[in-house]
N, C-alpha and C. Protein backbone atom coordinates (compact mmCIF):
# COMPACT_ATOMS: atom_id res chain seq x y z
N MET A 1 3.98 41.12 -14.29
CA MET A 1 4.38 39.75 -14.10
C MET A 1 3.58 39.11 -12.97
N ALA A 2 3.40 39.84 -11.85
CA ALA A 2 2.63 39.29 -10.73
C ALA A 2 1.18 39.07 -11.15
N LYS A 3 0.69 39.93 -12.03
CA LYS A 3 -0.68 39.80 -12.49
C LYS A 3 -0.84 38.50 -13.30
N ASP A 4 0.16 38.18 -14.14
CA ASP A 4 0.12 36.95 -14.93
C ASP A 4 0.11 35.72 -14.03
N ILE A 5 0.88 35.77 -12.98
CA ILE A 5 0.96 34.64 -12.06
C ILE A 5 -0.37 34.45 -11.36
N GLU A 6 -0.99 35.55 -10.95
CA GLU A 6 -2.28 35.47 -10.27
C GLU A 6 -3.33 34.84 -11.18
N GLN A 7 -3.30 35.18 -12.46
CA GLN A 7 -4.31 34.67 -13.38
C GLN A 7 -4.13 33.18 -13.65
N THR A 8 -2.89 32.69 -13.67
CA THR A 8 -2.66 31.28 -13.99
C THR A 8 -2.73 30.38 -12.77
N THR A 9 -2.67 30.97 -11.60
CA THR A 9 -2.74 30.16 -10.38
C THR A 9 -4.18 29.85 -10.05
N GLU A 10 -4.52 28.56 -10.01
CA GLU A 10 -5.86 28.15 -9.67
C GLU A 10 -5.84 27.50 -8.30
N SER A 11 -6.92 27.67 -7.57
CA SER A 11 -6.97 26.97 -6.29
C SER A 11 -7.58 25.60 -6.54
N LYS A 12 -6.78 24.57 -6.28
CA LYS A 12 -7.23 23.19 -6.48
C LYS A 12 -7.38 22.55 -5.11
N PRO A 13 -8.31 21.62 -5.00
CA PRO A 13 -8.43 20.92 -3.72
C PRO A 13 -7.18 20.11 -3.46
N ALA A 14 -6.82 20.00 -2.20
CA ALA A 14 -5.62 19.28 -1.82
C ALA A 14 -5.80 17.80 -2.15
N ALA A 15 -4.81 17.23 -2.81
CA ALA A 15 -4.87 15.82 -3.17
C ALA A 15 -4.57 14.97 -1.94
N THR A 16 -5.16 13.79 -1.92
CA THR A 16 -4.89 12.87 -0.83
C THR A 16 -3.48 12.34 -1.01
N PRO A 17 -2.62 12.44 0.01
CA PRO A 17 -1.25 11.97 -0.15
C PRO A 17 -1.22 10.45 -0.26
N ARG A 18 -0.29 9.94 -1.05
CA ARG A 18 -0.10 8.51 -1.17
C ARG A 18 1.39 8.22 -1.13
N ALA A 19 1.71 7.01 -0.77
CA ALA A 19 3.11 6.62 -0.72
C ALA A 19 3.64 6.46 -2.13
N MET A 20 4.87 6.90 -2.34
CA MET A 20 5.48 6.74 -3.66
C MET A 20 6.00 5.32 -3.80
N THR A 21 5.95 4.80 -5.02
CA THR A 21 6.52 3.49 -5.28
C THR A 21 8.04 3.64 -5.28
N PRO A 22 8.77 2.53 -5.12
CA PRO A 22 10.24 2.62 -5.16
C PRO A 22 10.75 3.23 -6.47
N TRP A 23 10.06 2.97 -7.57
CA TRP A 23 10.49 3.50 -8.86
C TRP A 23 10.27 5.01 -8.92
N GLU A 24 9.17 5.48 -8.35
CA GLU A 24 8.93 6.92 -8.30
C GLU A 24 9.96 7.59 -7.40
N GLN A 25 10.35 6.93 -6.32
CA GLN A 25 11.39 7.46 -5.44
C GLN A 25 12.72 7.55 -6.18
N MET A 26 13.04 6.50 -6.98
CA MET A 26 14.28 6.52 -7.75
C MET A 26 14.26 7.64 -8.78
N GLU A 27 13.13 7.81 -9.43
CA GLU A 27 13.02 8.86 -10.43
C GLU A 27 13.19 10.24 -9.78
N ARG A 28 12.58 10.44 -8.61
CA ARG A 28 12.73 11.71 -7.91
C ARG A 28 14.20 11.94 -7.52
N PHE A 29 14.86 10.88 -7.05
CA PHE A 29 16.27 10.98 -6.67
C PHE A 29 17.12 11.36 -7.88
N MET A 30 16.89 10.69 -9.02
CA MET A 30 17.66 10.99 -10.22
C MET A 30 17.32 12.38 -10.74
N ASP A 31 16.09 12.81 -10.58
CA ASP A 31 15.71 14.17 -10.97
C ASP A 31 16.47 15.20 -10.15
N ASP A 32 16.69 14.89 -8.86
CA ASP A 32 17.46 15.81 -8.02
C ASP A 32 18.91 15.89 -8.49
N LEU A 33 19.46 14.75 -8.94
CA LEU A 33 20.84 14.74 -9.43
C LEU A 33 20.96 15.39 -10.79
N MET A 34 20.03 15.04 -11.68
CA MET A 34 20.03 15.56 -13.05
C MET A 34 18.63 16.06 -13.37
N PRO A 35 18.33 17.32 -13.04
CA PRO A 35 16.97 17.84 -13.20
C PRO A 35 16.48 17.78 -14.65
N GLY A 36 15.17 17.86 -14.78
CA GLY A 36 14.57 17.97 -16.10
C GLY A 36 14.15 16.64 -16.69
N ARG A 37 13.60 15.75 -15.84
CA ARG A 37 13.10 14.46 -16.34
C ARG A 37 14.18 13.80 -17.20
N TRP A 38 15.27 13.42 -16.59
CA TRP A 38 16.47 12.95 -17.27
C TRP A 38 16.23 11.79 -18.23
N MET A 39 15.29 10.89 -17.93
CA MET A 39 15.04 9.78 -18.85
C MET A 39 14.36 10.28 -20.13
N GLN A 40 13.45 11.26 -20.01
CA GLN A 40 12.74 11.73 -21.17
C GLN A 40 13.65 12.53 -22.12
N ARG A 41 14.75 13.07 -21.58
CA ARG A 41 15.67 13.82 -22.43
C ARG A 41 16.19 12.96 -23.58
N TRP A 42 16.38 11.68 -23.30
CA TRP A 42 16.90 10.77 -24.32
C TRP A 42 15.77 9.98 -24.97
N GLY A 43 14.53 10.40 -24.77
CA GLY A 43 13.40 9.75 -25.41
C GLY A 43 12.91 8.52 -24.66
N GLY A 44 13.41 8.30 -23.47
CA GLY A 44 13.00 7.13 -22.69
C GLY A 44 11.82 7.44 -21.78
N PRO A 45 11.14 6.41 -21.32
CA PRO A 45 10.01 6.62 -20.41
C PRO A 45 10.50 6.90 -18.98
N ALA A 46 9.58 7.33 -18.14
CA ALA A 46 9.90 7.53 -16.73
C ALA A 46 10.11 6.16 -16.08
N TRP A 47 10.92 6.10 -15.03
CA TRP A 47 11.17 4.83 -14.33
C TRP A 47 9.86 4.18 -13.90
N ALA A 48 8.96 4.95 -13.34
CA ALA A 48 7.69 4.39 -12.85
C ALA A 48 6.90 3.76 -13.99
N ASP A 49 6.93 4.40 -15.18
CA ASP A 49 6.23 3.84 -16.33
C ASP A 49 6.95 2.62 -16.87
N LEU A 50 8.27 2.69 -16.93
CA LEU A 50 9.09 1.62 -17.48
C LEU A 50 8.96 0.32 -16.69
N LEU A 51 8.93 0.43 -15.39
CA LEU A 51 8.96 -0.76 -14.53
C LEU A 51 7.64 -1.02 -13.82
N GLU A 52 6.56 -0.42 -14.28
CA GLU A 52 5.27 -0.55 -13.61
C GLU A 52 4.82 -2.00 -13.50
N GLY A 53 5.02 -2.80 -14.53
CA GLY A 53 4.59 -4.18 -14.51
C GLY A 53 5.34 -5.05 -13.52
N LEU A 54 6.51 -4.61 -13.07
CA LEU A 54 7.30 -5.41 -12.13
C LEU A 54 6.93 -5.17 -10.68
N GLN A 55 6.13 -4.16 -10.42
CA GLN A 55 5.78 -3.84 -9.05
C GLN A 55 4.76 -4.82 -8.51
N ALA A 56 5.00 -5.29 -7.31
CA ALA A 56 4.05 -6.19 -6.67
C ALA A 56 2.94 -5.33 -6.04
N PRO A 57 1.68 -5.62 -6.34
CA PRO A 57 0.62 -4.82 -5.74
C PRO A 57 0.51 -5.11 -4.25
N ALA A 58 0.49 -4.09 -3.46
CA ALA A 58 0.38 -4.26 -2.01
C ALA A 58 -1.07 -4.06 -1.61
N PRO A 59 -1.59 -4.90 -0.71
CA PRO A 59 -2.98 -4.74 -0.31
C PRO A 59 -3.20 -3.44 0.48
N SER A 60 -4.36 -2.85 0.31
CA SER A 60 -4.74 -1.67 1.10
C SER A 60 -5.13 -2.15 2.50
N VAL A 61 -4.72 -1.39 3.52
CA VAL A 61 -5.00 -1.82 4.89
C VAL A 61 -5.57 -0.68 5.73
N ASP A 62 -6.34 -1.07 6.76
CA ASP A 62 -6.76 -0.17 7.83
C ASP A 62 -6.14 -0.72 9.10
N VAL A 63 -5.49 0.13 9.88
CA VAL A 63 -4.93 -0.28 11.18
C VAL A 63 -5.72 0.46 12.25
N ILE A 64 -6.37 -0.32 13.14
CA ILE A 64 -7.24 0.24 14.16
C ILE A 64 -6.62 -0.03 15.52
N ASP A 65 -6.37 1.03 16.28
CA ASP A 65 -5.79 0.93 17.62
C ASP A 65 -6.92 1.04 18.64
N ARG A 66 -7.27 -0.08 19.24
CA ARG A 66 -8.31 -0.09 20.28
C ARG A 66 -7.64 -0.13 21.64
N ASP A 67 -8.44 0.03 22.72
CA ASP A 67 -7.87 0.02 24.07
C ASP A 67 -7.13 -1.27 24.39
N ASP A 68 -7.69 -2.41 23.97
CA ASP A 68 -7.11 -3.69 24.36
C ASP A 68 -6.54 -4.50 23.20
N ALA A 69 -6.65 -4.00 21.96
CA ALA A 69 -6.18 -4.78 20.81
C ALA A 69 -5.84 -3.86 19.64
N VAL A 70 -5.08 -4.43 18.72
CA VAL A 70 -4.81 -3.78 17.44
C VAL A 70 -5.46 -4.66 16.38
N VAL A 71 -6.24 -4.05 15.49
CA VAL A 71 -6.93 -4.79 14.44
C VAL A 71 -6.43 -4.25 13.10
N VAL A 72 -6.06 -5.18 12.23
CA VAL A 72 -5.63 -4.80 10.88
C VAL A 72 -6.60 -5.45 9.90
N LYS A 73 -7.18 -4.61 9.03
CA LYS A 73 -8.06 -5.10 7.97
C LYS A 73 -7.33 -4.88 6.66
N ALA A 74 -7.22 -5.95 5.88
CA ALA A 74 -6.53 -5.87 4.59
C ALA A 74 -7.46 -6.32 3.48
N GLU A 75 -7.49 -5.54 2.42
CA GLU A 75 -8.31 -5.85 1.27
C GLU A 75 -7.47 -6.66 0.28
N ILE A 76 -7.84 -7.95 0.13
CA ILE A 76 -7.08 -8.84 -0.75
C ILE A 76 -8.05 -9.59 -1.67
N PRO A 77 -8.63 -8.90 -2.63
CA PRO A 77 -9.59 -9.58 -3.51
C PRO A 77 -8.89 -10.52 -4.49
N GLY A 78 -9.59 -11.57 -4.86
CA GLY A 78 -9.07 -12.49 -5.86
C GLY A 78 -8.01 -13.44 -5.36
N VAL A 79 -7.83 -13.54 -4.05
CA VAL A 79 -6.82 -14.42 -3.47
C VAL A 79 -7.52 -15.41 -2.54
N ARG A 80 -7.12 -16.66 -2.62
CA ARG A 80 -7.69 -17.67 -1.72
C ARG A 80 -6.95 -17.60 -0.38
N LYS A 81 -7.63 -17.97 0.71
CA LYS A 81 -7.01 -17.88 2.03
C LYS A 81 -5.80 -18.82 2.14
N GLU A 82 -5.78 -19.91 1.36
CA GLU A 82 -4.65 -20.82 1.37
C GLU A 82 -3.39 -20.18 0.79
N ASP A 83 -3.57 -19.12 0.02
CA ASP A 83 -2.45 -18.45 -0.63
C ASP A 83 -1.97 -17.20 0.12
N VAL A 84 -2.46 -17.01 1.34
CA VAL A 84 -2.06 -15.86 2.16
C VAL A 84 -1.23 -16.36 3.34
N GLU A 85 -0.10 -15.70 3.59
CA GLU A 85 0.76 -16.03 4.73
C GLU A 85 0.84 -14.81 5.64
N ILE A 86 0.64 -15.04 6.94
CA ILE A 86 0.69 -13.95 7.92
C ILE A 86 1.84 -14.22 8.87
N SER A 87 2.75 -13.26 9.02
CA SER A 87 3.85 -13.33 9.98
C SER A 87 3.68 -12.19 10.97
N LEU A 88 3.96 -12.46 12.21
CA LEU A 88 3.72 -11.46 13.25
C LEU A 88 4.87 -11.42 14.22
N THR A 89 5.34 -10.22 14.52
CA THR A 89 6.28 -10.01 15.62
C THR A 89 5.56 -9.10 16.61
N GLU A 90 6.26 -8.72 17.64
CA GLU A 90 5.64 -7.88 18.67
C GLU A 90 5.16 -6.54 18.13
N ASN A 91 5.84 -6.02 17.09
CA ASN A 91 5.45 -4.70 16.60
C ASN A 91 5.28 -4.60 15.07
N THR A 92 5.33 -5.73 14.35
CA THR A 92 5.07 -5.69 12.91
C THR A 92 4.21 -6.87 12.47
N LEU A 93 3.45 -6.62 11.43
CA LEU A 93 2.63 -7.65 10.80
C LEU A 93 3.03 -7.69 9.33
N THR A 94 3.35 -8.88 8.84
CA THR A 94 3.73 -9.04 7.45
C THR A 94 2.70 -9.91 6.75
N LEU A 95 2.19 -9.40 5.64
CA LEU A 95 1.23 -10.14 4.82
C LEU A 95 1.91 -10.48 3.50
N ARG A 96 1.88 -11.74 3.14
CA ARG A 96 2.42 -12.19 1.87
C ARG A 96 1.39 -13.09 1.21
N GLY A 97 1.37 -13.08 -0.08
CA GLY A 97 0.44 -13.94 -0.77
C GLY A 97 0.66 -13.93 -2.26
N GLU A 98 -0.21 -14.67 -2.92
CA GLU A 98 -0.10 -14.76 -4.36
C GLU A 98 -1.48 -15.03 -4.94
N SER A 99 -1.80 -14.29 -5.97
CA SER A 99 -3.05 -14.57 -6.67
C SER A 99 -2.71 -15.52 -7.81
N ARG A 100 -3.30 -16.67 -7.76
CA ARG A 100 -3.04 -17.69 -8.79
C ARG A 100 -4.21 -17.67 -9.76
N HIS A 101 -3.87 -17.49 -11.00
CA HIS A 101 -4.91 -17.43 -12.02
C HIS A 101 -4.33 -17.97 -13.31
N GLU A 102 -5.02 -18.91 -13.88
CA GLU A 102 -4.59 -19.45 -15.16
C GLU A 102 -4.92 -18.43 -16.22
N ASP A 103 -3.92 -17.96 -16.91
CA ASP A 103 -4.09 -16.91 -17.90
C ASP A 103 -4.09 -17.51 -19.30
N LYS A 104 -5.13 -18.24 -19.60
CA LYS A 104 -5.22 -18.92 -20.89
C LYS A 104 -6.22 -18.16 -21.75
N GLN A 105 -5.78 -17.71 -22.90
CA GLN A 105 -6.61 -16.95 -23.82
C GLN A 105 -6.65 -17.71 -25.13
N ASP A 106 -7.77 -18.36 -25.43
CA ASP A 106 -7.87 -19.16 -26.63
C ASP A 106 -8.11 -18.32 -27.88
N GLU A 107 -8.95 -17.33 -27.77
CA GLU A 107 -9.24 -16.53 -28.95
C GLU A 107 -9.34 -15.07 -28.57
N GLY A 108 -9.11 -14.23 -29.54
CA GLY A 108 -9.16 -12.80 -29.30
C GLY A 108 -7.86 -12.30 -28.69
N SER A 109 -7.80 -11.02 -28.47
CA SER A 109 -6.62 -10.43 -27.85
C SER A 109 -7.07 -9.40 -26.83
N PHE A 110 -6.19 -9.05 -25.95
CA PHE A 110 -6.52 -8.08 -24.91
C PHE A 110 -6.52 -6.68 -25.52
N HIS A 111 -7.57 -5.95 -25.25
CA HIS A 111 -7.62 -4.54 -25.62
C HIS A 111 -7.04 -3.71 -24.48
N ARG A 112 -7.35 -4.11 -23.28
CA ARG A 112 -6.84 -3.46 -22.08
C ARG A 112 -6.61 -4.55 -21.06
N ARG A 113 -5.52 -4.46 -20.32
CA ARG A 113 -5.21 -5.47 -19.32
C ARG A 113 -4.77 -4.77 -18.04
N GLU A 114 -5.68 -4.67 -17.08
CA GLU A 114 -5.41 -3.97 -15.83
C GLU A 114 -5.40 -4.88 -14.62
N ILE A 115 -5.98 -6.08 -14.74
CA ILE A 115 -6.02 -6.99 -13.60
C ILE A 115 -4.63 -7.59 -13.40
N ARG A 116 -4.07 -7.34 -12.26
CA ARG A 116 -2.72 -7.81 -11.98
C ARG A 116 -2.75 -9.15 -11.28
N ARG A 117 -1.82 -9.97 -11.63
CA ARG A 117 -1.65 -11.27 -11.02
C ARG A 117 -0.24 -11.33 -10.45
N GLY A 118 -0.05 -12.18 -9.48
CA GLY A 118 1.30 -12.38 -8.97
C GLY A 118 1.37 -12.26 -7.46
N ALA A 119 2.58 -12.18 -6.98
CA ALA A 119 2.84 -12.15 -5.54
C ALA A 119 2.71 -10.73 -4.99
N PHE A 120 2.37 -10.64 -3.71
CA PHE A 120 2.34 -9.35 -3.02
C PHE A 120 2.96 -9.52 -1.64
N SER A 121 3.37 -8.41 -1.08
CA SER A 121 3.93 -8.40 0.27
C SER A 121 3.69 -7.03 0.87
N ARG A 122 3.39 -7.00 2.15
CA ARG A 122 3.16 -5.73 2.84
C ARG A 122 3.58 -5.89 4.29
N VAL A 123 4.43 -5.02 4.78
CA VAL A 123 4.85 -5.00 6.18
C VAL A 123 4.20 -3.80 6.84
N ILE A 124 3.48 -4.06 7.93
CA ILE A 124 2.74 -3.01 8.63
C ILE A 124 3.34 -2.85 10.02
N THR A 125 3.74 -1.64 10.35
CA THR A 125 4.22 -1.35 11.71
C THR A 125 3.01 -1.13 12.59
N LEU A 126 2.97 -1.84 13.69
CA LEU A 126 1.82 -1.77 14.60
C LEU A 126 2.00 -0.62 15.59
N PRO A 127 0.92 0.01 16.02
CA PRO A 127 1.02 1.16 16.93
C PRO A 127 1.32 0.78 18.38
N ALA A 128 1.29 -0.52 18.72
CA ALA A 128 1.56 -0.96 20.09
C ALA A 128 2.09 -2.39 20.05
N ALA A 129 2.74 -2.80 21.12
CA ALA A 129 3.23 -4.17 21.22
C ALA A 129 2.03 -5.11 21.40
N VAL A 130 2.06 -6.25 20.69
CA VAL A 130 0.94 -7.18 20.74
C VAL A 130 1.41 -8.56 21.21
N ASP A 131 0.45 -9.34 21.70
CA ASP A 131 0.71 -10.71 22.13
C ASP A 131 0.56 -11.61 20.90
N THR A 132 1.68 -12.07 20.36
CA THR A 132 1.67 -12.84 19.12
C THR A 132 0.98 -14.20 19.27
N ASP A 133 0.99 -14.76 20.47
CA ASP A 133 0.38 -16.08 20.69
C ASP A 133 -1.14 -16.05 20.68
N LYS A 134 -1.73 -14.90 20.92
CA LYS A 134 -3.20 -14.81 21.01
C LYS A 134 -3.83 -14.11 19.80
N ALA A 135 -3.06 -13.93 18.74
CA ALA A 135 -3.59 -13.28 17.53
C ALA A 135 -4.54 -14.22 16.79
N THR A 136 -5.56 -13.65 16.18
CA THR A 136 -6.51 -14.42 15.38
C THR A 136 -6.67 -13.74 14.02
N ALA A 137 -7.04 -14.56 13.02
CA ALA A 137 -7.25 -14.02 11.68
C ALA A 137 -8.48 -14.65 11.06
N LYS A 138 -9.24 -13.81 10.33
CA LYS A 138 -10.41 -14.27 9.59
C LYS A 138 -10.29 -13.75 8.16
N PHE A 139 -10.72 -14.57 7.22
CA PHE A 139 -10.66 -14.17 5.82
C PHE A 139 -11.99 -14.50 5.16
N GLU A 140 -12.69 -13.47 4.68
CA GLU A 140 -13.99 -13.67 4.07
C GLU A 140 -14.23 -12.63 2.99
N ASP A 141 -14.65 -13.08 1.83
CA ASP A 141 -14.99 -12.19 0.71
C ASP A 141 -13.87 -11.22 0.36
N GLY A 142 -12.63 -11.68 0.36
CA GLY A 142 -11.50 -10.83 -0.01
C GLY A 142 -11.04 -9.87 1.07
N MET A 143 -11.60 -9.98 2.27
CA MET A 143 -11.21 -9.09 3.37
C MET A 143 -10.56 -9.93 4.47
N LEU A 144 -9.31 -9.62 4.80
CA LEU A 144 -8.59 -10.29 5.88
C LEU A 144 -8.64 -9.39 7.11
N VAL A 145 -9.04 -9.96 8.25
CA VAL A 145 -9.09 -9.21 9.50
C VAL A 145 -8.21 -9.94 10.51
N VAL A 146 -7.16 -9.27 10.98
CA VAL A 146 -6.25 -9.84 11.96
C VAL A 146 -6.42 -9.05 13.26
N SER A 147 -6.80 -9.76 14.35
CA SER A 147 -6.96 -9.13 15.67
C SER A 147 -5.83 -9.58 16.57
N MET A 148 -5.16 -8.64 17.19
CA MET A 148 -4.00 -8.93 18.03
C MET A 148 -4.16 -8.22 19.37
N PRO A 149 -4.32 -8.96 20.47
CA PRO A 149 -4.43 -8.29 21.77
C PRO A 149 -3.12 -7.60 22.14
N LYS A 150 -3.26 -6.46 22.78
CA LYS A 150 -2.07 -5.72 23.20
C LYS A 150 -1.43 -6.41 24.40
N VAL A 151 -0.11 -6.24 24.54
CA VAL A 151 0.60 -6.79 25.68
C VAL A 151 0.14 -6.10 26.95
N THR A 152 0.05 -4.79 26.90
CA THR A 152 -0.47 -4.02 28.04
C THR A 152 -1.61 -3.16 27.53
N LYS A 153 -2.71 -3.23 28.22
CA LYS A 153 -3.89 -2.46 27.84
C LYS A 153 -3.63 -0.98 28.01
N THR A 154 -4.08 -0.20 27.07
CA THR A 154 -3.95 1.25 27.17
C THR A 154 -5.34 1.86 27.17
N SER A 155 -5.45 3.00 27.79
CA SER A 155 -6.74 3.69 27.79
C SER A 155 -6.53 5.12 27.33
N ARG A 156 -7.51 5.64 26.70
CA ARG A 156 -7.43 7.01 26.21
C ARG A 156 -8.03 7.94 27.25
N LYS A 157 -7.41 9.09 27.38
CA LYS A 157 -7.90 10.08 28.32
C LYS A 157 -7.96 11.42 27.58
N ARG A 158 -9.06 12.07 27.73
CA ARG A 158 -9.24 13.37 27.09
C ARG A 158 -8.48 14.42 27.88
N VAL A 159 -7.74 15.23 27.19
CA VAL A 159 -6.96 16.30 27.82
C VAL A 159 -7.58 17.63 27.41
N GLU A 160 -7.95 18.41 28.37
CA GLU A 160 -8.51 19.73 28.10
C GLU A 160 -7.40 20.72 27.80
N ILE A 161 -7.67 21.61 26.88
CA ILE A 161 -6.70 22.65 26.51
C ILE A 161 -6.89 23.83 27.45
N ALA A 162 -5.80 24.26 28.05
CA ALA A 162 -5.85 25.36 29.00
C ALA A 162 -5.91 26.70 28.30
């Protein structure tokens, strides 16, 4: 038996972790209550598959902690800067927006439809308290860059291992 297990076990590279969608979280929760892919038992799809079209796409972000500022870069292609709203508190940044696109198809039909349209929202917890009055934002070529000076400057110090 141990020999069979050794033969079927392959070493795969570690996958990059990603955040689960709320629907995937619900499916995992329901799986814990009723194991065995409970929706598929009755011939239904998984929650994530069933409700995929209802999920708002969240922009991908980089959060950079510098000595004197926090910089957030968000990738928001296909959205005009007039359609992006930025809210800031001392320790969170909220990005909201909407991609507006007239979806008029005069002839033919879609073979594949992957481009998502609609509203998005993303709340980012900042690594330090920032001065909300001195924050600046730039938006160019689908990339939003928000720079926020820290309330108190921090410096990094290298610690030697004993």
